[in-house]
Protein backbone atom coordinates (compact mmCIF):
# COMPACT_ATOMS: atom_id res chain seq x y z
CA MET A 1 48.23 99.17 -112.25
CA LYS A 2 46.53 97.95 -115.40
CA GLN A 3 43.15 98.97 -113.98
CA LEU A 4 44.42 102.51 -113.31
CA LEU A 5 45.72 102.79 -116.86
CA GLU A 6 42.36 101.60 -118.19
CA LEU A 7 40.55 104.26 -116.12
CA LEU A 8 42.98 106.86 -117.44
CA THR A 9 42.38 105.75 -121.03
CA VAL A 10 38.59 105.68 -120.73
CA HIS A 11 37.95 108.75 -118.57
CA GLY A 12 41.10 110.92 -118.71
CA GLY A 13 42.32 112.44 -115.45
CA LYS A 14 45.72 111.60 -113.98
CA ILE A 15 47.61 109.06 -111.91
CA VAL A 16 49.27 110.41 -108.76
CA CYS A 17 51.38 109.00 -105.95
CA THR A 18 49.66 108.59 -102.59
CA ALA A 19 52.52 110.55 -100.98
CA SER A 20 50.97 113.71 -102.47
CA MET A 21 47.48 112.99 -101.12
CA THR A 22 45.66 113.54 -97.83
CA PRO A 23 44.40 110.51 -95.87
CA GLU A 24 40.80 111.44 -96.76
CA PHE A 25 41.49 111.30 -100.51
CA ILE A 26 43.36 108.02 -100.10
CA ARG A 27 40.32 106.53 -98.30
CA GLN A 28 38.05 107.75 -101.13
CA ALA A 29 40.35 106.12 -103.70
CA GLN A 30 40.44 102.83 -101.77
CA ALA A 31 36.65 102.80 -101.41
CA SER A 32 36.12 103.29 -105.15
CA GLY A 33 38.82 100.90 -106.38
CA ARG A 34 41.11 103.58 -107.82
CA MET A 35 44.27 102.67 -105.90
CA PHE A 36 47.21 100.38 -106.62
CA VAL A 37 50.15 99.57 -104.33
CA ASP A 38 53.25 98.08 -105.94
CA GLU A 39 55.69 95.50 -104.53
CA ASN A 40 57.73 98.34 -102.96
CA SER A 41 54.67 99.64 -101.08
CA ILE A 42 54.40 102.71 -103.28
CA GLY A 43 50.78 103.71 -103.76
CA PHE A 44 49.26 105.11 -106.94
CA VAL A 45 45.79 106.57 -107.42
CA TRP A 46 43.82 107.45 -110.51
CA GLU A 47 42.26 110.89 -110.09
CA PRO A 48 39.15 111.46 -112.24
CA PRO A 49 38.90 114.62 -114.35
CA ILE A 50 36.67 116.59 -111.97
CA TYR A 51 37.67 120.26 -111.93
CA LYS A 52 34.54 121.92 -110.54
CA LEU A 53 31.54 121.13 -108.38
CA PRO A 54 29.09 118.89 -110.23
CA GLU A 55 26.03 120.70 -111.58
CA THR A 56 24.10 118.19 -113.68
CA GLU A 57 22.70 114.82 -112.60
CA ALA A 58 25.28 113.06 -114.77
CA GLU A 59 28.13 115.03 -113.17
CA VAL A 60 26.82 114.26 -109.67
CA GLU A 61 26.57 110.55 -110.54
CA PHE A 62 30.14 110.54 -111.90
CA PHE A 63 31.41 112.33 -108.79
CA GLU A 64 29.62 110.02 -106.36
CA LYS A 65 30.92 106.95 -108.20
CA TRP A 66 34.54 107.96 -107.59
CA TYR A 67 34.08 109.68 -104.19
CA PRO A 68 31.61 107.35 -102.43
CA LEU A 69 32.39 108.08 -98.78
CA PRO A 70 30.48 110.82 -96.93
CA VAL A 71 32.50 113.92 -96.11
CA GLN A 72 32.22 115.71 -92.78
CA ILE A 73 31.35 119.37 -93.34
CA PRO A 74 32.88 121.79 -90.84
CA GLU A 75 30.28 123.41 -88.56
CA LYS A 76 31.21 126.88 -89.86
CA LEU A 77 30.19 125.94 -93.41
CA LYS A 78 26.79 124.46 -92.57
CA THR A 79 25.25 127.92 -92.79
CA LEU A 80 26.16 131.02 -94.80
CA ASP A 81 26.69 133.14 -91.68
CA TRP A 82 30.46 133.22 -92.32
CA LEU A 83 29.82 134.74 -95.77
CA TYR A 84 27.41 137.37 -94.45
CA GLU A 85 29.90 138.30 -91.75
CA ALA A 86 32.67 138.65 -94.33
CA GLN A 87 30.45 140.88 -96.47
CA GLU A 88 29.66 143.10 -93.47
CA ASN A 89 33.34 143.45 -92.56
CA CYS A 90 34.59 144.19 -96.08
CA GLY A 91 35.42 147.83 -96.62
CA GLY A 92 35.67 147.69 -100.42
CA ALA A 93 38.59 149.67 -101.85
CA LYS A 94 39.68 150.69 -98.32
CA CYS A 95 39.25 147.18 -96.87
CA GLN A 96 41.51 146.43 -93.91
CA VAL A 97 40.47 142.80 -93.48
CA LYS A 98 43.47 140.50 -93.73
CA LYS A 99 43.02 138.27 -96.83
CA CYS A 100 39.41 139.38 -97.31
CA LEU A 101 37.22 136.76 -99.03
CA ILE A 102 35.03 139.41 -100.64
CA CYS A 103 37.44 141.91 -102.21
CA LYS A 104 40.45 139.56 -102.22
CA ASN A 105 42.58 142.06 -100.28
CA GLU A 106 46.04 140.52 -99.88
CA GLN A 107 47.55 143.39 -97.87
CA TYR A 108 48.28 142.87 -94.22
């Protein structure tokens, strides 16, 4: 736990319980040494202060240090076809697409 508190002090971020995390994020934490399990088998993870996609080389380096495992990208997201299709189907102010990604229509 001391290591997690040191990471929190140096970098900011937060410490969360593993019960609130997905298995993928738990694996990332284990791989980067950001996890602690107490004597009662309760897991804690330090989450780095990353709130957006990294843009600079320094941000990418910081991200890759704390999330070292490769992530499987869904087939649908490997191209931008899904975005082009959404744009074609959006009707603007009269959009009838349920939860449209383009105009943010929330009506059903």
